Amino acid sequence: MTARSSLAAALILSSAIAQPVILAAQAPTTASPPAAAKDVASAEAIVAAVYDALSGTATQERNWDRFRSLFIAEGRLMPTGVPQGGKARIRVMTPAEYARVAAPQLKAEGFYEREVSRVTEAFGTIVHVFSTYESRHAPNDPTPFGRGINSFQLFNDGSRWWVVSVLWDRERPGNPLPAKYLPSSARK
């Protein structure tokens, strides 16, 4: 092989490697239970449905089928945090895994989570929602026991909205909620 043909072969090979592989977009699989039309009619509705599905009294059984119906079959929930003096961590769970982990805690005491502010970015079929939340043990508790941000990634397949993933972090010492993510009434 001549130097010229070696160079040509290298260019062809590098060109083939550099070409992007275009994968056909896939519709979400239907392993999830059927969703209520009102829960998946808009980006706002599906975020509200996630909060509503998780909220309730200590004795109230959560509707995990409703919860799972909001997610694509491959959906993920990813809490993050930093243990005292430790390194940041993330846990990745499917909606079914999250239900198994969360159900005992939700049955132990009331849990009401509500959105207090949001920042939304949209393009084509995707929406990203930075949703500031407050958590209370009862809906009328004067002070939340927790606050943080849920980062929702949403997808619209043309007939409904889906939650692709929810990534979140909570407020803690050294990690206060930035003013731009608080309700306008709380900004100074």
N, C-alpha and C. Protein backbone atom coordinates (compact mmCIF):
# COMPACT_ATOMS: atom_id res chain seq x y z
N MET A 1 0.86 -1.17 0.00
CA MET A 1 0.00 0.00 0.00
C MET A 1 0.90 1.23 0.00
N THR A 2 0.59 2.16 -0.87
CA THR A 2 1.39 3.38 -0.96
C THR A 2 0.97 4.35 0.12
N ALA A 3 1.82 5.35 0.31
CA ALA A 3 1.50 6.38 1.31
C ALA A 3 0.22 7.09 0.93
N ARG A 4 0.03 7.29 -0.38
CA ARG A 4 -1.16 7.99 -0.85
C ARG A 4 -2.41 7.17 -0.57
N SER A 5 -2.37 5.86 -0.83
CA SER A 5 -3.55 5.04 -0.59
C SER A 5 -3.80 4.87 0.91
N SER A 6 -2.73 4.84 1.71
CA SER A 6 -2.89 4.78 3.17
C SER A 6 -3.58 6.02 3.69
N LEU A 7 -3.20 7.19 3.16
CA LEU A 7 -3.82 8.44 3.56
C LEU A 7 -5.29 8.46 3.15
N ALA A 8 -5.59 7.99 1.92
CA ALA A 8 -6.97 7.94 1.45
C ALA A 8 -7.80 7.02 2.34
N ALA A 9 -7.25 5.86 2.69
CA ALA A 9 -7.98 4.92 3.54
C ALA A 9 -8.23 5.52 4.92
N ALA A 10 -7.23 6.21 5.45
CA ALA A 10 -7.40 6.85 6.76
C ALA A 10 -8.46 7.93 6.72
N LEU A 11 -8.50 8.70 5.64
CA LEU A 11 -9.51 9.75 5.50
C LEU A 11 -10.91 9.16 5.37
N ILE A 12 -11.03 8.08 4.62
CA ILE A 12 -12.33 7.44 4.47
C ILE A 12 -12.80 6.88 5.80
N LEU A 13 -11.89 6.21 6.51
CA LEU A 13 -12.23 5.63 7.81
C LEU A 13 -12.62 6.72 8.80
N SER A 14 -11.83 7.79 8.86
CA SER A 14 -12.15 8.86 9.81
C SER A 14 -13.45 9.54 9.43
N SER A 15 -13.73 9.67 8.15
CA SER A 15 -14.99 10.28 7.70
C SER A 15 -16.17 9.40 8.12
N ALA A 16 -16.01 8.09 7.98
CA ALA A 16 -17.09 7.17 8.36
C ALA A 16 -17.34 7.22 9.86
N ILE A 17 -16.27 7.30 10.64
CA ILE A 17 -16.41 7.36 12.10
C ILE A 17 -17.03 8.68 12.53
N ALA A 18 -16.68 9.76 11.85
CA ALA A 18 -17.16 11.08 12.25
C ALA A 18 -18.61 11.32 11.87
N GLN A 19 -19.16 10.53 10.92
CA GLN A 19 -20.54 10.71 10.52
C GLN A 19 -21.46 10.38 11.68
N PRO A 20 -22.39 11.25 12.00
CA PRO A 20 -23.30 10.94 13.11
C PRO A 20 -24.23 9.79 12.74
N VAL A 21 -24.45 8.96 13.70
CA VAL A 21 -25.40 7.88 13.51
C VAL A 21 -26.76 8.43 13.89
N ILE A 22 -27.67 8.41 12.95
CA ILE A 22 -29.00 8.94 13.20
C ILE A 22 -29.89 7.79 13.62
N LEU A 23 -30.38 7.87 14.83
CA LEU A 23 -31.28 6.86 15.34
C LEU A 23 -32.71 7.32 15.14
N ALA A 24 -33.54 6.43 14.72
CA ALA A 24 -34.95 6.76 14.55
C ALA A 24 -35.53 7.08 15.92
N ALA A 25 -36.28 8.15 15.99
CA ALA A 25 -36.93 8.50 17.25
C ALA A 25 -37.94 7.42 17.58
N GLN A 26 -37.99 7.05 18.84
CA GLN A 26 -38.90 6.01 19.26
C GLN A 26 -40.04 6.62 20.05
N ALA A 27 -41.23 6.12 19.78
CA ALA A 27 -42.36 6.51 20.60
C ALA A 27 -42.20 5.80 21.94
N PRO A 28 -42.65 6.43 23.02
CA PRO A 28 -42.54 5.75 24.32
C PRO A 28 -43.26 4.40 24.27
N THR A 29 -42.68 3.40 24.89
CA THR A 29 -43.34 2.11 24.96
C THR A 29 -44.52 2.22 25.91
N THR A 30 -45.44 1.32 25.79
CA THR A 30 -46.69 1.44 26.55
C THR A 30 -46.73 0.51 27.76
N ALA A 31 -45.62 0.30 28.42
CA ALA A 31 -45.60 -0.54 29.60
C ALA A 31 -46.27 0.15 30.80
N SER A 32 -46.46 1.45 30.71
CA SER A 32 -47.10 2.20 31.79
C SER A 32 -48.61 1.96 31.75
N PRO A 33 -49.28 2.05 32.91
CA PRO A 33 -50.74 1.97 32.91
C PRO A 33 -51.32 3.14 32.11
N PRO A 34 -52.54 3.02 31.61
CA PRO A 34 -53.15 4.15 30.88
C PRO A 34 -53.28 5.37 31.79
N ALA A 35 -53.02 6.54 31.21
CA ALA A 35 -53.09 7.79 31.98
C ALA A 35 -54.45 8.45 31.79
N ALA A 36 -54.86 9.20 32.79
CA ALA A 36 -56.06 10.03 32.66
C ALA A 36 -55.73 11.17 31.70
N ALA A 37 -56.60 11.44 30.76
CA ALA A 37 -56.35 12.47 29.74
C ALA A 37 -56.03 13.82 30.38
N LYS A 38 -56.72 14.16 31.47
CA LYS A 38 -56.48 15.46 32.11
C LYS A 38 -55.08 15.56 32.71
N ASP A 39 -54.49 14.41 33.11
CA ASP A 39 -53.15 14.41 33.70
C ASP A 39 -52.05 14.66 32.69
N VAL A 40 -52.30 14.36 31.42
CA VAL A 40 -51.24 14.41 30.41
C VAL A 40 -51.57 15.36 29.27
N ALA A 41 -52.52 16.27 29.50
CA ALA A 41 -52.97 17.19 28.45
C ALA A 41 -51.99 18.32 28.17
N SER A 42 -51.15 18.66 29.14
CA SER A 42 -50.20 19.76 28.97
C SER A 42 -49.00 19.52 29.89
N ALA A 43 -47.94 20.29 29.65
CA ALA A 43 -46.77 20.21 30.52
C ALA A 43 -47.15 20.59 31.95
N GLU A 44 -47.97 21.61 32.09
CA GLU A 44 -48.41 22.05 33.42
C GLU A 44 -49.22 20.96 34.12
N ALA A 45 -50.10 20.30 33.36
CA ALA A 45 -50.97 19.27 33.94
C ALA A 45 -50.16 18.07 34.43
N ILE A 46 -49.16 17.66 33.67
CA ILE A 46 -48.43 16.45 34.06
C ILE A 46 -47.54 16.72 35.28
N VAL A 47 -46.97 17.92 35.37
CA VAL A 47 -46.19 18.26 36.57
C VAL A 47 -47.12 18.30 37.79
N ALA A 48 -48.28 18.92 37.65
CA ALA A 48 -49.24 18.96 38.76
C ALA A 48 -49.69 17.56 39.15
N ALA A 49 -49.85 16.67 38.17
CA ALA A 49 -50.28 15.30 38.45
C ALA A 49 -49.21 14.54 39.24
N VAL A 50 -47.94 14.78 38.94
CA VAL A 50 -46.86 14.12 39.71
C VAL A 50 -46.96 14.56 41.17
N TYR A 51 -47.05 15.86 41.41
CA TYR A 51 -47.16 16.35 42.78
C TYR A 51 -48.40 15.79 43.47
N ASP A 52 -49.53 15.77 42.77
CA ASP A 52 -50.78 15.30 43.36
C ASP A 52 -50.72 13.80 43.68
N ALA A 53 -50.11 13.02 42.79
CA ALA A 53 -50.03 11.58 43.01
C ALA A 53 -49.21 11.22 44.25
N LEU A 54 -48.24 12.06 44.59
CA LEU A 54 -47.38 11.78 45.74
C LEU A 54 -47.93 12.33 47.05
N SER A 55 -48.84 13.28 46.97
CA SER A 55 -49.33 13.98 48.16
C SER A 55 -50.51 13.27 48.79
N GLY A 56 -50.54 13.30 50.13
CA GLY A 56 -51.67 12.73 50.85
C GLY A 56 -51.36 12.53 52.32
N THR A 57 -52.37 12.08 53.05
CA THR A 57 -52.21 11.83 54.48
C THR A 57 -51.36 10.58 54.70
N ALA A 58 -50.96 10.38 55.93
CA ALA A 58 -50.14 9.20 56.27
C ALA A 58 -50.91 7.92 55.99
N THR A 59 -52.18 7.91 56.20
CA THR A 59 -52.96 6.68 56.03
C THR A 59 -53.46 6.49 54.59
N GLN A 60 -53.30 7.50 53.78
CA GLN A 60 -53.80 7.44 52.40
C GLN A 60 -52.88 6.62 51.51
N GLU A 61 -53.43 5.60 50.88
CA GLU A 61 -52.67 4.80 49.92
C GLU A 61 -52.50 5.63 48.65
N ARG A 62 -51.27 5.74 48.19
CA ARG A 62 -51.02 6.50 46.96
C ARG A 62 -51.44 5.67 45.76
N ASN A 63 -51.85 6.36 44.70
CA ASN A 63 -52.25 5.69 43.46
C ASN A 63 -51.00 5.53 42.59
N TRP A 64 -50.28 4.44 42.82
CA TRP A 64 -49.01 4.24 42.11
C TRP A 64 -49.23 3.95 40.64
N ASP A 65 -50.39 3.39 40.26
CA ASP A 65 -50.68 3.22 38.83
C ASP A 65 -50.79 4.59 38.15
N ARG A 66 -51.45 5.52 38.81
CA ARG A 66 -51.53 6.88 38.26
C ARG A 66 -50.12 7.46 38.12
N PHE A 67 -49.33 7.33 39.16
CA PHE A 67 -47.96 7.85 39.15
C PHE A 67 -47.18 7.26 37.97
N ARG A 68 -47.19 5.94 37.85
CA ARG A 68 -46.43 5.29 36.77
C ARG A 68 -46.97 5.65 35.39
N SER A 69 -48.26 5.95 35.28
CA SER A 69 -48.86 6.29 33.98
C SER A 69 -48.33 7.60 33.41
N LEU A 70 -47.69 8.40 34.23
CA LEU A 70 -47.18 9.69 33.80
C LEU A 70 -45.82 9.58 33.12
N PHE A 71 -45.12 8.48 33.33
CA PHE A 71 -43.74 8.30 32.88
C PHE A 71 -43.65 7.41 31.65
N ILE A 72 -42.64 7.69 30.80
CA ILE A 72 -42.31 6.72 29.77
C ILE A 72 -41.84 5.46 30.48
N ALA A 73 -41.91 4.33 29.81
CA ALA A 73 -41.54 3.07 30.44
C ALA A 73 -40.09 3.10 30.95
N GLU A 74 -39.25 3.85 30.28
CA GLU A 74 -37.84 3.95 30.67
C GLU A 74 -37.58 5.15 31.58
N GLY A 75 -38.64 5.75 32.11
CA GLY A 75 -38.52 6.95 32.93
C GLY A 75 -37.64 6.75 34.16
N ARG A 76 -37.10 7.86 34.64
CA ARG A 76 -36.20 7.80 35.80
C ARG A 76 -36.52 8.91 36.79
N LEU A 77 -36.32 8.59 38.07
CA LEU A 77 -36.38 9.55 39.17
C LEU A 77 -35.02 9.52 39.83
N MET A 78 -34.44 10.72 40.05
CA MET A 78 -33.05 10.78 40.50
C MET A 78 -32.86 11.81 41.60
N PRO A 79 -33.01 11.38 42.85
CA PRO A 79 -32.70 12.30 43.94
C PRO A 79 -31.19 12.45 44.09
N THR A 80 -30.77 13.65 44.44
CA THR A 80 -29.36 13.91 44.70
C THR A 80 -29.22 14.46 46.11
N GLY A 81 -28.02 14.47 46.59
CA GLY A 81 -27.79 15.04 47.92
C GLY A 81 -26.33 14.93 48.29
N VAL A 82 -26.03 15.53 49.41
CA VAL A 82 -24.66 15.50 49.93
C VAL A 82 -24.75 15.09 51.39
N PRO A 83 -24.29 13.88 51.72
CA PRO A 83 -24.28 13.49 53.13
C PRO A 83 -23.36 14.40 53.92
N GLN A 84 -23.60 14.53 55.21
CA GLN A 84 -22.78 15.39 56.07
C GLN A 84 -21.30 15.08 55.84
N GLY A 85 -20.56 16.09 55.39
CA GLY A 85 -19.13 15.95 55.18
C GLY A 85 -18.75 15.04 54.02
N GLY A 86 -19.72 14.67 53.20
CA GLY A 86 -19.43 13.71 52.14
C GLY A 86 -19.43 14.31 50.75
N LYS A 87 -19.39 13.45 49.79
CA LYS A 87 -19.38 13.80 48.38
C LYS A 87 -20.80 13.71 47.82
N ALA A 88 -21.13 14.57 46.87
CA ALA A 88 -22.46 14.56 46.26
C ALA A 88 -22.78 13.18 45.69
N ARG A 89 -24.04 12.79 45.84
CA ARG A 89 -24.49 11.48 45.37
C ARG A 89 -25.77 11.62 44.57
N ILE A 90 -26.01 10.61 43.76
CA ILE A 90 -27.25 10.52 43.00
C ILE A 90 -27.74 9.08 43.07
N ARG A 91 -29.04 8.91 43.15
CA ARG A 91 -29.65 7.59 43.10
C ARG A 91 -30.59 7.59 41.90
N VAL A 92 -30.49 6.59 41.06
CA VAL A 92 -31.31 6.50 39.86
C VAL A 92 -32.31 5.37 40.04
N MET A 93 -33.61 5.70 39.88
CA MET A 93 -34.68 4.72 40.08
C MET A 93 -35.71 4.80 38.97
N THR A 94 -36.35 3.68 38.69
CA THR A 94 -37.51 3.67 37.82
C THR A 94 -38.70 4.14 38.66
N PRO A 95 -39.82 4.49 38.03
CA PRO A 95 -41.00 4.84 38.83
C PRO A 95 -41.44 3.70 39.77
N ALA A 96 -41.33 2.46 39.34
CA ALA A 96 -41.70 1.33 40.21
C ALA A 96 -40.75 1.22 41.40
N GLU A 97 -39.46 1.40 41.16
CA GLU A 97 -38.49 1.36 42.26
C GLU A 97 -38.74 2.51 43.22
N TYR A 98 -39.03 3.70 42.69
CA TYR A 98 -39.31 4.85 43.55
C TYR A 98 -40.53 4.55 44.42
N ALA A 99 -41.58 3.97 43.84
CA ALA A 99 -42.78 3.65 44.61
C ALA A 99 -42.46 2.70 45.75
N ARG A 100 -41.64 1.69 45.50
CA ARG A 100 -41.26 0.74 46.55
C ARG A 100 -40.49 1.43 47.68
N VAL A 101 -39.60 2.36 47.33
CA VAL A 101 -38.80 3.07 48.32
C VAL A 101 -39.63 4.10 49.08
N ALA A 102 -40.46 4.84 48.35
CA ALA A 102 -41.19 5.96 48.95
C ALA A 102 -42.45 5.54 49.71
N ALA A 103 -43.11 4.48 49.29
CA ALA A 103 -44.40 4.11 49.90
C ALA A 103 -44.33 3.98 51.42
N PRO A 104 -43.35 3.28 51.99
CA PRO A 104 -43.32 3.18 53.46
C PRO A 104 -43.14 4.54 54.15
N GLN A 105 -42.33 5.40 53.57
CA GLN A 105 -42.12 6.73 54.16
C GLN A 105 -43.40 7.56 54.06
N LEU A 106 -44.09 7.48 52.93
CA LEU A 106 -45.30 8.26 52.74
C LEU A 106 -46.42 7.77 53.65
N LYS A 107 -46.42 6.47 53.98
CA LYS A 107 -47.43 5.93 54.88
C LYS A 107 -47.12 6.25 56.34
N ALA A 108 -45.86 6.54 56.65
CA ALA A 108 -45.45 6.82 58.03
C ALA A 108 -45.94 8.19 58.50
N GLU A 109 -45.95 9.15 57.60
CA GLU A 109 -46.43 10.49 57.95
C GLU A 109 -46.95 11.17 56.70
N GLY A 110 -47.82 12.13 56.90
CA GLY A 110 -48.37 12.85 55.76
C GLY A 110 -47.29 13.50 54.93
N PHE A 111 -47.56 13.62 53.64
CA PHE A 111 -46.61 14.26 52.74
C PHE A 111 -47.39 15.01 51.67
N TYR A 112 -47.18 16.30 51.65
CA TYR A 112 -47.81 17.15 50.64
C TYR A 112 -46.72 17.99 50.00
N GLU A 113 -46.53 17.78 48.72
CA GLU A 113 -45.53 18.56 48.01
C GLU A 113 -46.26 19.40 46.97
N ARG A 114 -45.88 20.68 46.93
CA ARG A 114 -46.52 21.55 45.94
C ARG A 114 -45.50 22.46 45.30
N GLU A 115 -45.79 22.79 44.07
CA GLU A 115 -44.93 23.70 43.32
C GLU A 115 -45.22 25.13 43.76
N VAL A 116 -44.16 25.91 44.00
CA VAL A 116 -44.35 27.30 44.39
C VAL A 116 -43.81 28.27 43.34
N SER A 117 -43.01 27.75 42.41
CA SER A 117 -42.45 28.58 41.35
C SER A 117 -41.93 27.65 40.26
N ARG A 118 -41.84 28.18 39.03
CA ARG A 118 -41.29 27.35 37.96
C ARG A 118 -40.62 28.20 36.90
N VAL A 119 -39.65 27.61 36.25
CA VAL A 119 -39.00 28.17 35.07
C VAL A 119 -39.10 27.09 34.02
N THR A 120 -39.66 27.44 32.85
CA THR A 120 -39.88 26.47 31.80
C THR A 120 -39.15 26.88 30.53
N GLU A 121 -38.51 25.91 29.92
CA GLU A 121 -37.87 26.09 28.62
C GLU A 121 -38.44 25.02 27.70
N ALA A 122 -38.78 25.41 26.46
CA ALA A 122 -39.38 24.46 25.53
C ALA A 122 -38.76 24.59 24.15
N PHE A 123 -38.69 23.46 23.47
CA PHE A 123 -38.24 23.42 22.09
C PHE A 123 -38.83 22.18 21.44
N GLY A 124 -39.56 22.36 20.35
CA GLY A 124 -40.15 21.22 19.63
C GLY A 124 -40.99 20.36 20.55
N THR A 125 -40.61 19.10 20.67
CA THR A 125 -41.39 18.14 21.45
C THR A 125 -40.93 18.01 22.90
N ILE A 126 -39.94 18.81 23.29
CA ILE A 126 -39.39 18.67 24.65
C ILE A 126 -39.60 19.92 25.48
N VAL A 127 -39.76 19.70 26.77
CA VAL A 127 -39.90 20.80 27.73
C VAL A 127 -39.07 20.45 28.96
N HIS A 128 -38.37 21.45 29.47
CA HIS A 128 -37.64 21.31 30.72
C HIS A 128 -38.30 22.25 31.73
N VAL A 129 -38.67 21.72 32.88
CA VAL A 129 -39.31 22.51 33.93
C VAL A 129 -38.44 22.46 35.17
N PHE A 130 -37.98 23.62 35.63
CA PHE A 130 -37.30 23.75 36.90
C PHE A 130 -38.40 24.15 37.88
N SER A 131 -38.84 23.21 38.70
CA SER A 131 -40.01 23.39 39.55
C SER A 131 -39.57 23.48 41.02
N THR A 132 -39.69 24.67 41.59
CA THR A 132 -39.37 24.85 43.01
C THR A 132 -40.53 24.31 43.83
N TYR A 133 -40.21 23.46 44.80
CA TYR A 133 -41.26 22.82 45.59
C TYR A 133 -41.09 23.11 47.08
N GLU A 134 -42.20 22.95 47.78
CA GLU A 134 -42.21 22.94 49.24
C GLU A 134 -42.90 21.66 49.68
N SER A 135 -42.37 21.04 50.73
CA SER A 135 -42.94 19.81 51.29
C SER A 135 -43.45 20.08 52.69
N ARG A 136 -44.66 19.58 52.96
CA ARG A 136 -45.28 19.71 54.28
C ARG A 136 -45.87 18.37 54.69
N HIS A 137 -46.09 18.18 55.99
CA HIS A 137 -46.73 16.96 56.47
C HIS A 137 -48.25 17.06 56.38
N ALA A 138 -48.76 18.29 56.38
CA ALA A 138 -50.20 18.53 56.21
C ALA A 138 -50.33 19.77 55.31
N PRO A 139 -51.37 19.82 54.50
CA PRO A 139 -51.47 20.94 53.55
C PRO A 139 -51.52 22.31 54.21
N ASN A 140 -52.00 22.37 55.47
CA ASN A 140 -52.11 23.67 56.15
C ASN A 140 -50.97 23.95 57.11
N ASP A 141 -49.92 23.13 57.10
CA ASP A 141 -48.74 23.41 57.93
C ASP A 141 -48.21 24.80 57.57
N PRO A 142 -47.94 25.65 58.58
CA PRO A 142 -47.49 27.00 58.26
C PRO A 142 -46.10 27.08 57.63
N THR A 143 -45.24 26.11 57.96
CA THR A 143 -43.87 26.14 57.45
C THR A 143 -43.53 24.80 56.81
N PRO A 144 -42.92 24.82 55.62
CA PRO A 144 -42.53 23.55 55.01
C PRO A 144 -41.38 22.90 55.77
N PHE A 145 -41.34 21.59 55.79
CA PHE A 145 -40.19 20.89 56.39
C PHE A 145 -39.07 20.72 55.37
N GLY A 146 -39.37 20.96 54.11
CA GLY A 146 -38.35 20.84 53.08
C GLY A 146 -38.70 21.67 51.85
N ARG A 147 -37.66 22.11 51.16
CA ARG A 147 -37.82 22.83 49.90
C ARG A 147 -36.70 22.37 48.97
N GLY A 148 -36.93 22.55 47.69
CA GLY A 148 -35.89 22.19 46.74
C GLY A 148 -36.36 22.46 45.32
N ILE A 149 -35.66 21.86 44.38
CA ILE A 149 -36.01 22.02 42.97
C ILE A 149 -36.09 20.66 42.32
N ASN A 150 -37.21 20.40 41.65
CA ASN A 150 -37.38 19.23 40.80
C ASN A 150 -37.12 19.68 39.37
N SER A 151 -36.23 19.00 38.70
CA SER A 151 -35.93 19.27 37.30
C SER A 151 -36.62 18.21 36.46
N PHE A 152 -37.75 18.60 35.86
CA PHE A 152 -38.54 17.68 35.03
C PHE A 152 -38.12 17.78 33.58
N GLN A 153 -37.91 16.64 32.94
CA GLN A 153 -37.72 16.59 31.49
C GLN A 153 -38.97 15.91 30.94
N LEU A 154 -39.65 16.63 30.05
CA LEU A 154 -40.94 16.17 29.52
C LEU A 154 -40.86 16.00 28.01
N PHE A 155 -41.71 15.12 27.48
CA PHE A 155 -41.76 14.83 26.05
C PHE A 155 -43.22 14.75 25.61
N ASN A 156 -43.52 15.34 24.45
CA ASN A 156 -44.86 15.24 23.89
C ASN A 156 -44.78 14.43 22.61
N ASP A 157 -45.52 13.32 22.57
CA ASP A 157 -45.48 12.44 21.39
C ASP A 157 -46.53 12.80 20.36
N GLY A 158 -47.19 13.93 20.54
CA GLY A 158 -48.24 14.35 19.62
C GLY A 158 -49.64 14.04 20.11
N SER A 159 -49.74 13.13 21.08
CA SER A 159 -51.05 12.82 21.63
C SER A 159 -51.12 13.03 23.14
N ARG A 160 -49.97 13.10 23.79
CA ARG A 160 -49.96 13.31 25.24
C ARG A 160 -48.56 13.71 25.68
N TRP A 161 -48.47 14.16 26.94
CA TRP A 161 -47.18 14.48 27.57
C TRP A 161 -46.71 13.29 28.37
N TRP A 162 -45.39 13.14 28.45
CA TRP A 162 -44.75 12.08 29.24
C TRP A 162 -43.65 12.71 30.11
N VAL A 163 -43.48 12.16 31.30
CA VAL A 163 -42.31 12.51 32.11
C VAL A 163 -41.20 11.54 31.69
N VAL A 164 -40.09 12.10 31.26
CA VAL A 164 -38.92 11.29 30.91
C VAL A 164 -38.06 11.08 32.15
N SER A 165 -37.85 12.17 32.90
CA SER A 165 -37.07 12.05 34.12
C SER A 165 -37.37 13.21 35.06
N VAL A 166 -37.09 12.95 36.33
CA VAL A 166 -37.15 13.99 37.36
C VAL A 166 -35.86 13.87 38.16
N LEU A 167 -35.09 14.93 38.17
CA LEU A 167 -33.83 15.02 38.91
C LEU A 167 -34.04 16.10 39.97
N TRP A 168 -33.69 15.85 41.22
CA TRP A 168 -33.93 16.88 42.22
C TRP A 168 -32.84 16.98 43.25
N ASP A 169 -32.82 18.17 43.86
CA ASP A 169 -31.93 18.46 44.98
C ASP A 169 -32.74 19.29 45.96
N ARG A 170 -32.40 19.15 47.22
CA ARG A 170 -33.15 19.88 48.26
C ARG A 170 -32.31 21.03 48.80
N GLU A 171 -33.00 21.95 49.38
CA GLU A 171 -32.32 23.06 50.05
C GLU A 171 -31.73 22.53 51.35
N ARG A 172 -30.54 23.00 51.69
CA ARG A 172 -29.85 22.60 52.91
C ARG A 172 -28.82 23.67 53.24
N PRO A 173 -28.21 23.63 54.42
CA PRO A 173 -27.15 24.60 54.72
C PRO A 173 -26.07 24.56 53.64
N GLY A 174 -25.73 25.71 53.14
CA GLY A 174 -24.75 25.79 52.07
C GLY A 174 -25.35 25.60 50.68
N ASN A 175 -26.64 25.30 50.60
CA ASN A 175 -27.31 25.10 49.31
C ASN A 175 -28.71 25.74 49.36
N PRO A 176 -28.74 27.07 49.56
CA PRO A 176 -30.05 27.74 49.62
C PRO A 176 -30.65 27.86 48.23
N LEU A 177 -31.96 27.97 48.19
CA LEU A 177 -32.62 28.19 46.90
C LEU A 177 -32.26 29.58 46.38
N PRO A 178 -31.80 29.69 45.14
CA PRO A 178 -31.51 31.01 44.57
C PRO A 178 -32.79 31.83 44.43
N ALA A 179 -32.71 33.11 44.64
CA ALA A 179 -33.88 33.99 44.57
C ALA A 179 -34.62 33.86 43.24
N LYS A 180 -33.90 33.65 42.16
CA LYS A 180 -34.57 33.58 40.84
C LYS A 180 -35.49 32.37 40.71
N TYR A 181 -35.38 31.39 41.62
CA TYR A 181 -36.25 30.21 41.58
C TYR A 181 -37.33 30.24 42.67
N LEU A 182 -37.43 31.35 43.39
CA LEU A 182 -38.46 31.52 44.41
C LEU A 182 -39.66 32.25 43.82
N PRO A 183 -40.81 32.13 44.45
CA PRO A 183 -41.96 32.90 43.97
C PRO A 183 -41.63 34.39 43.97
N SER A 184 -42.19 35.12 43.05
CA SER A 184 -41.88 36.56 42.96
C SER A 184 -42.17 37.29 44.25
N SER A 185 -43.18 36.83 45.01
CA SER A 185 -43.52 37.48 46.29
C SER A 185 -42.41 37.28 47.33
N ALA A 186 -41.57 36.25 47.17
CA ALA A 186 -40.51 35.97 48.14
C ALA A 186 -39.18 36.59 47.73
N ARG A 187 -39.10 37.10 46.51
CA ARG A 187 -37.84 37.72 46.05
C ARG A 187 -37.68 39.08 46.66
N LYS A 188 -36.45 39.43 46.97
CA LYS A 188 -36.19 40.74 47.58
C LYS A 188 -35.68 41.71 46.57
